[in-house]
Amino acid sequence: MLLCARCLGCAIGQIAGAVAFLAGWAIPAGACLLLMCILLCDWLIQERFGYPSTNPRRLVTGTLGSLGLTSVWLTVWSDVVELVAGRL
């Protein structure tokens, strides 16, 4: 694989998050947190306990975690832009 599986998953999640945001599909904050926790748990189990993660698992967890993070990031920046634009 030319790109690490988790990095590829993160790229897919970022694209999916941007598409969802532009389409007006809001992912609830709790769901975003859960998606990010899935990625964190996979990494933590691998790092702390030496349990090997597989490329398919890394792809899925990277996609889900990045989808959640991108959704939060775009929502926060959208709110900041609206706030600043409202003060001008």
Protein backbone atom coordinates (compact mmCIF):
# COMPACT_ATOMS: atom_id res chain seq x y z
CA MET A 1 0.00 0.00 0.00
CA LEU A 2 1.47 3.37 -0.99
CA LEU A 3 -0.23 5.18 1.86
CA CYS A 4 -0.64 3.97 5.41
CA ALA A 5 -4.11 2.54 6.01
CA ARG A 6 -4.95 4.92 8.88
CA CYS A 7 -3.80 7.95 6.85
CA LEU A 8 -5.90 6.82 3.91
CA GLY A 9 -8.86 6.41 6.27
CA CYS A 10 -8.28 9.91 7.63
CA ALA A 11 -8.29 11.33 4.10
CA ILE A 12 -11.55 9.50 3.33
CA GLY A 13 -13.07 10.75 6.60
CA GLN A 14 -12.06 14.34 5.88
CA ILE A 15 -13.62 14.21 2.43
CA ALA A 16 -16.79 12.61 3.79
CA GLY A 17 -16.97 15.19 6.59
CA ALA A 18 -16.56 18.06 4.15
CA VAL A 19 -19.22 16.64 1.82
CA ALA A 20 -21.62 16.14 4.73
CA PHE A 21 -20.99 19.68 5.96
CA LEU A 22 -21.48 21.23 2.52
CA ALA A 23 -24.66 19.19 2.04
CA GLY A 24 -25.99 20.56 5.33
CA TRP A 25 -25.96 17.23 7.15
CA ALA A 26 -25.13 17.96 10.75
CA ILE A 27 -23.52 15.16 12.69
CA PRO A 28 -24.47 15.52 16.38
CA ALA A 29 -21.63 16.40 18.74
CA GLY A 30 -22.09 13.20 20.72
CA ALA A 31 -21.77 11.10 17.58
CA CYS A 32 -18.62 13.01 16.60
CA LEU A 33 -17.15 12.34 20.02
CA LEU A 34 -17.97 8.64 19.73
CA LEU A 35 -16.36 8.46 16.28
CA MET A 36 -13.18 10.09 17.59
CA CYS A 37 -13.12 7.78 20.63
CA ILE A 38 -13.21 4.73 18.36
CA LEU A 39 -9.99 5.90 16.73
CA LEU A 40 -8.43 6.75 20.09
CA CYS A 41 -9.31 3.34 21.54
CA ASP A 42 -7.80 1.49 18.59
CA TRP A 43 -4.59 3.46 18.88
CA LEU A 44 -4.48 3.18 22.69
CA ILE A 45 -4.99 -0.59 22.68
CA GLN A 46 -2.28 -0.96 20.05
CA GLU A 47 0.17 1.38 21.78
CA ARG A 48 -0.43 0.48 25.43
CA PHE A 49 -1.02 -3.25 25.22
CA GLY A 50 0.92 -4.14 22.08
CA TYR A 51 -2.15 -5.63 20.42
CA PRO A 52 -1.54 -5.43 16.69
CA SER A 53 -4.01 -3.46 14.62
CA THR A 54 -4.77 -4.68 11.11
CA ASN A 55 -4.86 -2.50 8.00
CA PRO A 56 -8.63 -2.93 7.54
CA ARG A 57 -9.20 -1.89 11.16
CA ARG A 58 -6.88 1.08 10.76
CA LEU A 59 -8.71 2.12 7.59
CA VAL A 60 -12.10 1.97 9.31
CA THR A 61 -11.03 3.66 12.54
CA GLY A 62 -9.12 6.35 10.63
CA THR A 63 -12.18 7.07 8.50
CA LEU A 64 -14.56 7.23 11.46
CA GLY A 65 -12.27 9.28 13.68
CA SER A 66 -11.46 11.75 10.95
CA LEU A 67 -15.13 12.07 9.99
CA GLY A 68 -15.95 13.04 13.57
CA LEU A 69 -13.01 15.43 13.92
CA THR A 70 -13.62 17.09 10.55
CA SER A 71 -17.31 17.57 11.36
CA VAL A 72 -16.47 19.25 14.66
CA TRP A 73 -13.74 21.38 13.08
CA LEU A 74 -15.93 22.61 10.22
CA THR A 75 -18.87 23.32 12.53
CA VAL A 76 -16.70 25.34 14.93
CA TRP A 77 -15.10 27.33 12.11
CA SER A 78 -18.49 27.96 10.53
CA ASP A 79 -19.77 29.31 13.86
CA VAL A 80 -16.68 31.51 14.26
CA VAL A 81 -17.10 32.94 10.75
CA GLU A 82 -20.79 33.67 11.41
CA LEU A 83 -19.91 35.35 14.71
CA VAL A 84 -17.21 37.51 13.17
CA ALA A 85 -19.36 38.36 10.15
CA GLY A 86 -22.18 39.40 12.47
CA ARG A 87 -19.90 41.90 14.22
CA LEU A 88 -18.74 43.60 11.02
